[in-house]
Amino acid sequence: MEDWPKEKRWKDLYLRSEKVHRAKQLGIDYPIKNQRQKLAEESINVLFVCSMNKWRSPTAEKIYKTMPLVNTRSGGTSSKAKHQVSLDDIRWADLVIAMESKHRQRLVADFPEAMRHREVHVLDIEDNYEFMNPELIDELRAAIDPIFELCEHPRFSNSQPTQSTRLKS
């Protein structure tokens, strides 16, 4: 873009409001916000994924549903899941959290285009718990809270960062 003629370098020539308008005309997202900026400014849509959408992801959905500025959904990767993850779910989500790496692999295989530039956090929580099991809740919180802290979500802005050995991005 630096070698473009000056009249084509619209980012250098216009005020911010004009840049936004010109970017829309050109079909460009401007200003480009990274995930941290987006999380800090507005609510976030979080999709929790497991196999059958029976125990782990619905538990995560329920415990984070009441968090301010967080919208949650859950889905399963199996065709027999209570709610199977759909393309609409993937497009809706700002943040995708999978219980195991096989769930991330399945999402990438089933939705290659939608998942191309999407980060998926893998928690490595095995399918050993029932819905709303207290041990499952503790494990989910220990693994998911640091993800929100890393993203600088407003809910955690006053808390001290914690380390999680479970977090894999």
N, C-alpha and C. Protein backbone atom coordinates (compact mmCIF):
# COMPACT_ATOMS: atom_id res chain seq x y z
N MET A 1 0.82 -1.19 0.00
CA MET A 1 0.00 0.00 0.00
C MET A 1 0.86 1.26 0.00
N GLU A 2 2.10 1.15 0.52
CA GLU A 2 2.98 2.30 0.57
C GLU A 2 3.35 2.82 -0.81
N ASP A 3 3.39 1.94 -1.81
CA ASP A 3 3.78 2.37 -3.14
C ASP A 3 2.59 2.86 -3.97
N TRP A 4 1.41 2.90 -3.35
CA TRP A 4 0.25 3.43 -4.06
C TRP A 4 0.39 4.94 -4.21
N PRO A 5 -0.25 5.51 -5.24
CA PRO A 5 -0.27 6.97 -5.34
C PRO A 5 -0.97 7.57 -4.12
N LYS A 6 -0.60 8.79 -3.77
CA LYS A 6 -1.12 9.41 -2.55
C LYS A 6 -2.65 9.40 -2.49
N GLU A 7 -3.32 9.64 -3.62
CA GLU A 7 -4.79 9.67 -3.61
C GLU A 7 -5.39 8.31 -3.30
N LYS A 8 -4.64 7.22 -3.45
CA LYS A 8 -5.14 5.88 -3.15
C LYS A 8 -4.87 5.49 -1.70
N ARG A 9 -3.99 6.22 -1.01
CA ARG A 9 -3.67 5.91 0.38
C ARG A 9 -4.68 6.59 1.30
N TRP A 10 -5.90 6.12 1.24
CA TRP A 10 -7.00 6.77 1.94
C TRP A 10 -6.81 6.78 3.46
N LYS A 11 -6.06 5.83 4.01
CA LYS A 11 -5.84 5.83 5.46
C LYS A 11 -5.02 7.03 5.91
N ASP A 12 -4.17 7.56 5.02
CA ASP A 12 -3.35 8.71 5.34
C ASP A 12 -4.07 10.03 5.09
N LEU A 13 -5.11 10.02 4.29
CA LEU A 13 -5.72 11.26 3.82
C LEU A 13 -6.97 11.70 4.57
N TYR A 14 -7.70 10.77 5.17
CA TYR A 14 -9.01 11.10 5.72
C TYR A 14 -9.02 11.14 7.24
N LEU A 15 -10.02 11.84 7.77
CA LEU A 15 -10.30 11.78 9.20
C LEU A 15 -10.88 10.42 9.53
N ARG A 16 -10.95 10.08 10.80
CA ARG A 16 -11.42 8.75 11.20
C ARG A 16 -12.80 8.42 10.64
N SER A 17 -13.75 9.33 10.75
CA SER A 17 -15.11 9.05 10.26
C SER A 17 -15.11 8.83 8.75
N GLU A 18 -14.28 9.58 8.05
CA GLU A 18 -14.18 9.40 6.60
C GLU A 18 -13.51 8.08 6.26
N LYS A 19 -12.53 7.67 7.09
CA LYS A 19 -11.85 6.39 6.87
C LYS A 19 -12.83 5.23 7.02
N VAL A 20 -13.67 5.31 8.04
CA VAL A 20 -14.65 4.24 8.26
C VAL A 20 -15.60 4.17 7.07
N HIS A 21 -16.08 5.33 6.62
CA HIS A 21 -16.98 5.37 5.47
C HIS A 21 -16.30 4.82 4.21
N ARG A 22 -15.06 5.25 3.97
CA ARG A 22 -14.33 4.79 2.78
C ARG A 22 -14.05 3.29 2.87
N ALA A 23 -13.72 2.82 4.05
CA ALA A 23 -13.46 1.38 4.23
C ALA A 23 -14.71 0.57 3.89
N LYS A 24 -15.87 1.06 4.31
CA LYS A 24 -17.12 0.37 3.98
C LYS A 24 -17.33 0.32 2.47
N GLN A 25 -17.02 1.42 1.80
CA GLN A 25 -17.14 1.44 0.34
C GLN A 25 -16.24 0.42 -0.32
N LEU A 26 -15.06 0.25 0.25
CA LEU A 26 -14.09 -0.69 -0.31
C LEU A 26 -14.29 -2.12 0.18
N GLY A 27 -15.23 -2.31 1.11
CA GLY A 27 -15.48 -3.63 1.65
C GLY A 27 -14.42 -4.10 2.62
N ILE A 28 -13.81 -3.16 3.34
CA ILE A 28 -12.75 -3.47 4.29
C ILE A 28 -13.25 -3.20 5.69
N ASP A 29 -12.94 -4.10 6.63
CA ASP A 29 -13.25 -3.86 8.03
C ASP A 29 -12.22 -2.88 8.58
N TYR A 30 -12.68 -1.71 8.98
CA TYR A 30 -11.77 -0.71 9.53
C TYR A 30 -12.48 0.03 10.64
N PRO A 31 -11.90 0.26 11.75
CA PRO A 31 -10.58 -0.24 12.10
C PRO A 31 -10.66 -1.71 12.45
N ILE A 32 -9.62 -2.42 12.17
CA ILE A 32 -9.57 -3.84 12.49
C ILE A 32 -9.33 -3.97 13.98
N LYS A 33 -10.26 -4.65 14.64
CA LYS A 33 -10.13 -4.83 16.08
C LYS A 33 -9.62 -6.24 16.35
N ASN A 34 -8.67 -6.33 17.24
CA ASN A 34 -8.24 -7.66 17.63
C ASN A 34 -9.18 -8.19 18.70
N GLN A 35 -9.01 -9.44 19.06
CA GLN A 35 -9.91 -10.09 20.00
C GLN A 35 -9.91 -9.38 21.35
N ARG A 36 -8.77 -8.93 21.80
CA ARG A 36 -8.69 -8.25 23.09
C ARG A 36 -9.49 -6.95 23.09
N GLN A 37 -9.38 -6.16 22.02
CA GLN A 37 -10.13 -4.92 21.94
C GLN A 37 -11.62 -5.19 21.92
N LYS A 38 -12.04 -6.18 21.17
CA LYS A 38 -13.46 -6.50 21.06
C LYS A 38 -14.02 -6.92 22.41
N LEU A 39 -13.28 -7.78 23.12
CA LEU A 39 -13.74 -8.24 24.42
C LEU A 39 -13.86 -7.10 25.41
N ALA A 40 -12.93 -6.18 25.34
CA ALA A 40 -12.93 -5.08 26.29
C ALA A 40 -14.07 -4.09 26.04
N GLU A 41 -14.58 -4.01 24.83
CA GLU A 41 -15.56 -3.01 24.47
C GLU A 41 -17.00 -3.49 24.50
N GLU A 42 -17.24 -4.76 24.31
CA GLU A 42 -18.62 -5.21 24.16
C GLU A 42 -18.78 -6.64 24.65
N SER A 43 -19.98 -7.14 24.55
CA SER A 43 -20.23 -8.51 24.98
C SER A 43 -19.56 -9.49 24.01
N ILE A 44 -19.39 -10.68 24.50
CA ILE A 44 -18.72 -11.72 23.71
C ILE A 44 -19.64 -12.93 23.62
N ASN A 45 -19.63 -13.59 22.47
CA ASN A 45 -20.39 -14.81 22.26
C ASN A 45 -19.44 -15.99 22.39
N VAL A 46 -19.72 -16.86 23.35
CA VAL A 46 -18.85 -18.00 23.63
C VAL A 46 -19.58 -19.29 23.31
N LEU A 47 -18.94 -20.12 22.50
CA LEU A 47 -19.48 -21.43 22.15
C LEU A 47 -18.66 -22.50 22.85
N PHE A 48 -19.33 -23.33 23.65
CA PHE A 48 -18.69 -24.45 24.34
C PHE A 48 -19.01 -25.72 23.57
N VAL A 49 -17.99 -26.55 23.33
CA VAL A 49 -18.17 -27.73 22.49
C VAL A 49 -17.65 -28.98 23.19
N CYS A 50 -18.48 -30.04 23.17
CA CYS A 50 -18.06 -31.37 23.62
C CYS A 50 -18.61 -32.37 22.60
N SER A 51 -18.72 -33.61 22.96
CA SER A 51 -19.16 -34.63 22.00
C SER A 51 -20.68 -34.69 21.85
N MET A 52 -21.36 -34.95 22.95
CA MET A 52 -22.80 -35.20 22.89
C MET A 52 -23.66 -34.01 23.35
N ASN A 53 -23.02 -32.94 23.81
CA ASN A 53 -23.75 -31.79 24.33
C ASN A 53 -24.72 -32.23 25.42
N LYS A 54 -24.18 -33.05 26.31
CA LYS A 54 -25.02 -33.63 27.35
C LYS A 54 -24.55 -33.21 28.75
N TRP A 55 -23.24 -33.19 28.98
CA TRP A 55 -22.74 -32.91 30.33
C TRP A 55 -21.78 -31.74 30.39
N ARG A 56 -20.65 -31.82 29.70
CA ARG A 56 -19.61 -30.81 29.88
C ARG A 56 -19.97 -29.46 29.29
N SER A 57 -20.28 -29.40 28.00
CA SER A 57 -20.56 -28.09 27.40
C SER A 57 -21.85 -27.45 27.94
N PRO A 58 -22.92 -28.21 28.21
CA PRO A 58 -24.08 -27.56 28.83
C PRO A 58 -23.80 -27.03 30.23
N THR A 59 -22.92 -27.73 30.96
CA THR A 59 -22.53 -27.24 32.29
C THR A 59 -21.79 -25.92 32.16
N ALA A 60 -20.83 -25.86 31.24
CA ALA A 60 -20.08 -24.62 31.02
C ALA A 60 -21.03 -23.50 30.58
N GLU A 61 -21.94 -23.83 29.68
CA GLU A 61 -22.91 -22.83 29.22
C GLU A 61 -23.71 -22.28 30.39
N LYS A 62 -24.16 -23.15 31.26
CA LYS A 62 -25.00 -22.72 32.38
C LYS A 62 -24.22 -21.87 33.39
N ILE A 63 -22.99 -22.26 33.70
CA ILE A 63 -22.28 -21.49 34.74
C ILE A 63 -21.78 -20.13 34.23
N TYR A 64 -21.60 -19.99 32.92
CA TYR A 64 -21.15 -18.70 32.39
C TYR A 64 -22.29 -17.87 31.79
N LYS A 65 -23.48 -18.42 31.74
CA LYS A 65 -24.63 -17.72 31.16
C LYS A 65 -24.95 -16.43 31.90
N THR A 66 -24.75 -16.41 33.20
CA THR A 66 -25.11 -15.25 34.01
C THR A 66 -23.99 -14.22 34.11
N MET A 67 -22.85 -14.49 33.51
CA MET A 67 -21.73 -13.54 33.55
C MET A 67 -22.09 -12.31 32.72
N PRO A 68 -21.83 -11.12 33.25
CA PRO A 68 -22.11 -9.91 32.47
C PRO A 68 -21.31 -9.88 31.17
N LEU A 69 -21.94 -9.41 30.13
CA LEU A 69 -21.33 -9.23 28.81
C LEU A 69 -20.91 -10.54 28.14
N VAL A 70 -21.46 -11.66 28.59
CA VAL A 70 -21.14 -12.95 27.97
C VAL A 70 -22.43 -13.63 27.53
N ASN A 71 -22.49 -13.98 26.24
CA ASN A 71 -23.59 -14.77 25.70
C ASN A 71 -23.03 -16.16 25.44
N THR A 72 -23.77 -17.19 25.84
CA THR A 72 -23.23 -18.54 25.72
C THR A 72 -24.15 -19.45 24.91
N ARG A 73 -23.52 -20.42 24.26
CA ARG A 73 -24.20 -21.52 23.59
C ARG A 73 -23.34 -22.75 23.80
N SER A 74 -23.96 -23.91 23.63
CA SER A 74 -23.17 -25.14 23.67
C SER A 74 -23.65 -26.05 22.56
N GLY A 75 -22.75 -26.94 22.16
CA GLY A 75 -23.09 -27.88 21.11
C GLY A 75 -22.16 -29.08 21.15
N GLY A 76 -22.58 -30.12 20.45
CA GLY A 76 -21.78 -31.33 20.38
C GLY A 76 -21.32 -31.59 18.96
N THR A 77 -20.24 -32.33 18.85
CA THR A 77 -19.70 -32.65 17.52
C THR A 77 -20.31 -33.91 16.93
N SER A 78 -20.95 -34.73 17.75
CA SER A 78 -21.55 -35.97 17.28
C SER A 78 -22.87 -35.70 16.57
N SER A 79 -23.18 -36.52 15.59
CA SER A 79 -24.48 -36.39 14.91
C SER A 79 -25.63 -36.76 15.84
N LYS A 80 -25.32 -37.44 16.95
CA LYS A 80 -26.34 -37.82 17.93
C LYS A 80 -26.41 -36.85 19.11
N ALA A 81 -25.69 -35.74 19.02
CA ALA A 81 -25.66 -34.76 20.11
C ALA A 81 -27.03 -34.13 20.32
N LYS A 82 -27.28 -33.71 21.56
CA LYS A 82 -28.53 -33.05 21.89
C LYS A 82 -28.72 -31.81 21.01
N HIS A 83 -27.66 -31.04 20.83
CA HIS A 83 -27.62 -29.94 19.85
C HIS A 83 -26.30 -30.06 19.13
N GLN A 84 -26.34 -30.40 17.86
CA GLN A 84 -25.11 -30.54 17.09
C GLN A 84 -24.64 -29.15 16.65
N VAL A 85 -23.34 -28.91 16.78
CA VAL A 85 -22.77 -27.63 16.38
C VAL A 85 -23.06 -27.40 14.90
N SER A 86 -23.53 -26.19 14.60
CA SER A 86 -23.87 -25.83 13.22
C SER A 86 -22.96 -24.70 12.73
N LEU A 87 -23.03 -24.45 11.45
CA LEU A 87 -22.28 -23.34 10.87
C LEU A 87 -22.72 -22.02 11.49
N ASP A 88 -24.00 -21.89 11.77
CA ASP A 88 -24.51 -20.68 12.42
C ASP A 88 -23.89 -20.48 13.80
N ASP A 89 -23.72 -21.58 14.54
CA ASP A 89 -23.08 -21.50 15.86
C ASP A 89 -21.64 -20.99 15.72
N ILE A 90 -20.91 -21.52 14.75
CA ILE A 90 -19.52 -21.13 14.54
C ILE A 90 -19.44 -19.66 14.16
N ARG A 91 -20.30 -19.23 13.25
CA ARG A 91 -20.30 -17.82 12.83
C ARG A 91 -20.70 -16.89 13.97
N TRP A 92 -21.60 -17.34 14.82
CA TRP A 92 -22.08 -16.54 15.95
C TRP A 92 -20.98 -16.33 16.98
N ALA A 93 -20.14 -17.33 17.17
CA ALA A 93 -19.17 -17.32 18.27
C ALA A 93 -17.98 -16.39 18.02
N ASP A 94 -17.65 -15.62 19.04
CA ASP A 94 -16.40 -14.85 19.05
C ASP A 94 -15.28 -15.70 19.63
N LEU A 95 -15.65 -16.61 20.50
CA LEU A 95 -14.70 -17.45 21.20
C LEU A 95 -15.23 -18.87 21.22
N VAL A 96 -14.43 -19.83 20.78
CA VAL A 96 -14.84 -21.23 20.77
C VAL A 96 -13.97 -21.97 21.79
N ILE A 97 -14.63 -22.69 22.69
CA ILE A 97 -13.92 -23.44 23.73
C ILE A 97 -14.34 -24.90 23.62
N ALA A 98 -13.36 -25.76 23.32
CA ALA A 98 -13.62 -27.20 23.16
C ALA A 98 -13.12 -27.94 24.39
N MET A 99 -13.81 -28.99 24.74
CA MET A 99 -13.43 -29.77 25.91
C MET A 99 -12.19 -30.62 25.66
N GLU A 100 -12.03 -31.13 24.43
CA GLU A 100 -10.89 -31.97 24.09
C GLU A 100 -10.40 -31.61 22.69
N SER A 101 -9.15 -31.99 22.40
CA SER A 101 -8.58 -31.65 21.08
C SER A 101 -9.33 -32.33 19.94
N LYS A 102 -9.93 -33.50 20.21
CA LYS A 102 -10.70 -34.15 19.15
C LYS A 102 -11.90 -33.30 18.71
N HIS A 103 -12.42 -32.48 19.61
CA HIS A 103 -13.54 -31.60 19.26
C HIS A 103 -13.07 -30.48 18.33
N ARG A 104 -11.89 -29.94 18.61
CA ARG A 104 -11.33 -28.93 17.71
C ARG A 104 -11.09 -29.54 16.33
N GLN A 105 -10.52 -30.72 16.29
CA GLN A 105 -10.24 -31.39 15.02
C GLN A 105 -11.53 -31.63 14.24
N ARG A 106 -12.57 -32.02 14.94
CA ARG A 106 -13.85 -32.29 14.27
C ARG A 106 -14.46 -31.00 13.72
N LEU A 107 -14.36 -29.91 14.48
CA LEU A 107 -14.86 -28.62 13.99
C LEU A 107 -14.13 -28.18 12.73
N VAL A 108 -12.81 -28.33 12.74
CA VAL A 108 -12.00 -27.95 11.58
C VAL A 108 -12.35 -28.82 10.37
N ALA A 109 -12.60 -30.11 10.61
CA ALA A 109 -12.95 -31.01 9.52
C ALA A 109 -14.35 -30.72 8.97
N ASP A 110 -15.29 -30.43 9.86
CA ASP A 110 -16.68 -30.19 9.44
C ASP A 110 -16.92 -28.79 8.87
N PHE A 111 -16.16 -27.80 9.36
CA PHE A 111 -16.36 -26.41 8.94
C PHE A 111 -15.02 -25.77 8.58
N PRO A 112 -14.35 -26.27 7.55
CA PRO A 112 -13.00 -25.78 7.26
C PRO A 112 -12.92 -24.28 6.97
N GLU A 113 -13.84 -23.75 6.21
CA GLU A 113 -13.79 -22.32 5.88
C GLU A 113 -14.07 -21.45 7.11
N ALA A 114 -15.11 -21.80 7.84
CA ALA A 114 -15.50 -21.01 9.01
C ALA A 114 -14.44 -21.08 10.11
N MET A 115 -13.72 -22.17 10.18
CA MET A 115 -12.72 -22.36 11.23
C MET A 115 -11.33 -21.90 10.83
N ARG A 116 -11.17 -21.51 9.57
CA ARG A 116 -9.84 -21.19 9.04
C ARG A 116 -9.07 -20.18 9.90
N HIS A 117 -9.70 -19.10 10.31
CA HIS A 117 -9.01 -18.07 11.08
C HIS A 117 -9.57 -17.96 12.50
N ARG A 118 -10.19 -19.01 12.95
CA ARG A 118 -10.82 -18.99 14.27
C ARG A 118 -9.94 -19.73 15.26
N GLU A 119 -9.70 -19.09 16.39
CA GLU A 119 -8.93 -19.71 17.45
C GLU A 119 -9.88 -20.55 18.31
N VAL A 120 -9.43 -21.75 18.64
CA VAL A 120 -10.21 -22.64 19.50
C VAL A 120 -9.36 -22.96 20.72
N HIS A 121 -9.91 -22.72 21.89
CA HIS A 121 -9.21 -23.06 23.13
C HIS A 121 -9.63 -24.47 23.53
N VAL A 122 -8.66 -25.30 23.82
CA VAL A 122 -8.92 -26.69 24.22
C VAL A 122 -8.63 -26.82 25.71
N LEU A 123 -9.60 -27.35 26.46
CA LEU A 123 -9.48 -27.44 27.91
C LEU A 123 -8.89 -28.76 28.41
N ASP A 124 -8.93 -29.80 27.60
CA ASP A 124 -8.48 -31.15 28.02
C ASP A 124 -9.25 -31.64 29.24
N ILE A 125 -10.56 -31.48 29.21
CA ILE A 125 -11.42 -32.02 30.27
C ILE A 125 -12.13 -33.24 29.69
N GLU A 126 -11.82 -34.40 30.25
CA GLU A 126 -12.37 -35.65 29.75
C GLU A 126 -13.83 -35.82 30.16
N ASP A 127 -14.49 -36.75 29.50
CA ASP A 127 -15.91 -37.00 29.69
C ASP A 127 -16.14 -37.93 30.89
N ASN A 128 -15.78 -37.45 32.09
CA ASN A 128 -15.89 -38.28 33.30
C ASN A 128 -16.92 -37.74 34.29
N TYR A 129 -17.71 -36.76 33.89
CA TYR A 129 -18.61 -36.08 34.82
C TYR A 129 -20.03 -36.03 34.26
N GLU A 130 -20.97 -35.85 35.17
CA GLU A 130 -22.35 -35.63 34.76
C GLU A 130 -22.65 -34.13 34.82
N PHE A 131 -23.81 -33.76 34.27
CA PHE A 131 -24.22 -32.36 34.21
C PHE A 131 -24.22 -31.72 35.60
N MET A 132 -23.57 -30.57 35.71
CA MET A 132 -23.49 -29.75 36.92
C MET A 132 -22.80 -30.45 38.10
N ASN A 133 -21.96 -31.42 37.82
CA ASN A 133 -21.17 -32.07 38.86
C ASN A 133 -20.24 -31.02 39.47
N PRO A 134 -20.18 -30.91 40.80
CA PRO A 134 -19.33 -29.88 41.43
C PRO A 134 -17.85 -29.96 41.02
N GLU A 135 -17.33 -31.17 40.85
CA GLU A 135 -15.94 -31.31 40.40
C GLU A 135 -15.77 -30.80 38.97
N LEU A 136 -16.76 -31.06 38.12
CA LEU A 136 -16.73 -30.56 36.76
C LEU A 136 -16.76 -29.03 36.75
N ILE A 137 -17.62 -28.45 37.57
CA ILE A 137 -17.72 -26.99 37.65
C ILE A 137 -16.38 -26.39 38.07
N ASP A 138 -15.74 -26.98 39.09
CA ASP A 138 -14.43 -26.49 39.53
C ASP A 138 -13.40 -26.59 38.41
N GLU A 139 -13.40 -27.71 37.72
CA GLU A 139 -12.44 -27.90 36.64
C GLU A 139 -12.69 -26.93 35.48
N LEU A 140 -13.96 -26.72 35.16
CA LEU A 140 -14.30 -25.76 34.09
C LEU A 140 -13.86 -24.35 34.46
N ARG A 141 -14.18 -23.93 35.67
CA ARG A 141 -13.79 -22.58 36.10
C ARG A 141 -12.26 -22.41 36.10
N ALA A 142 -11.56 -23.42 36.58
CA ALA A 142 -10.09 -23.35 36.62
C ALA A 142 -9.50 -23.25 35.22
N ALA A 143 -10.15 -23.84 34.25
CA ALA A 143 -9.63 -23.82 32.88
C ALA A 143 -10.14 -22.64 32.06
N ILE A 144 -11.37 -22.20 32.29
CA ILE A 144 -11.98 -21.15 31.45
C ILE A 144 -11.68 -19.75 31.96
N ASP A 145 -11.66 -19.54 33.27
CA ASP A 145 -11.40 -18.20 33.80
C ASP A 145 -10.10 -17.60 33.26
N PRO A 146 -9.00 -18.36 33.19
CA PRO A 146 -7.77 -17.77 32.62
C PRO A 146 -7.90 -17.37 31.15
N ILE A 147 -8.79 -18.03 30.42
CA ILE A 147 -9.00 -17.63 29.02
C ILE A 147 -9.60 -16.23 28.97
N PHE A 148 -10.57 -15.96 29.83
CA PHE A 148 -11.16 -14.62 29.88
C PHE A 148 -10.12 -13.61 30.37
N GLU A 149 -9.28 -14.00 31.31
CA GLU A 149 -8.24 -13.10 31.81
C GLU A 149 -7.27 -12.75 30.69
N LEU A 150 -6.87 -13.74 29.91
CA LEU A 150 -5.96 -13.49 28.79
C LEU A 150 -6.58 -12.56 27.76
N CYS A 151 -7.89 -12.66 27.62
CA CYS A 151 -8.60 -11.82 26.66
C CYS A 151 -8.94 -10.46 27.23
N GLU A 152 -8.58 -10.23 28.49
CA GLU A 152 -8.86 -8.97 29.17
C GLU A 152 -10.35 -8.66 29.17
N HIS A 153 -11.16 -9.66 29.45
CA HIS A 153 -12.60 -9.45 29.52
C HIS A 153 -12.93 -8.58 30.72
N PRO A 154 -13.87 -7.62 30.60
CA PRO A 154 -14.20 -6.70 31.69
C PRO A 154 -14.58 -7.40 32.99
N ARG A 155 -15.17 -8.56 32.93
CA ARG A 155 -15.58 -9.30 34.11
C ARG A 155 -14.37 -9.58 35.01
N PHE A 156 -13.20 -9.71 34.43
CA PHE A 156 -12.01 -10.06 35.17
C PHE A 156 -11.02 -8.90 35.30
N SER A 157 -11.44 -7.70 34.97
CA SER A 157 -10.50 -6.58 34.91
C SER A 157 -9.87 -6.27 36.26
N ASN A 158 -10.54 -6.58 37.37
CA ASN A 158 -9.99 -6.29 38.69
C ASN A 158 -9.34 -7.49 39.35
N SER A 159 -9.37 -8.63 38.70
CA SER A 159 -8.81 -9.83 39.32
C SER A 159 -7.36 -10.01 38.94
N GLN A 160 -6.66 -10.76 39.75
CA GLN A 160 -5.27 -11.07 39.48
C GLN A 160 -5.19 -12.24 38.52
N PRO A 161 -4.30 -12.20 37.55
CA PRO A 161 -4.16 -13.32 36.62
C PRO A 161 -3.75 -14.58 37.35
N THR A 162 -4.27 -15.69 36.90
CA THR A 162 -3.87 -16.98 37.45
C THR A 162 -3.27 -17.80 36.33
N GLN A 163 -2.47 -18.76 36.72
CA GLN A 163 -1.87 -19.62 35.72
C GLN A 163 -2.69 -20.88 35.59
N SER A 164 -2.85 -21.35 34.39
CA SER A 164 -3.58 -22.58 34.15
C SER A 164 -2.71 -23.50 33.31
N THR A 165 -2.49 -24.70 33.81
CA THR A 165 -1.73 -25.66 33.04
C THR A 165 -2.62 -26.36 32.02
N ARG A 166 -3.93 -26.17 32.14
CA ARG A 166 -4.86 -26.84 31.24
C ARG A 166 -5.05 -26.07 29.95
N LEU A 167 -4.79 -24.79 29.93
CA LEU A 167 -5.06 -23.95 28.77
C LEU A 167 -4.16 -24.32 27.61
N LYS A 168 -4.79 -24.64 26.48
CA LYS A 168 -4.07 -24.87 25.24
C LYS A 168 -4.76 -24.09 24.17
N SER A 169 -4.05 -23.28 23.45
CA SER A 169 -4.66 -22.52 22.37
C SER A 169 -4.16 -23.00 21.05
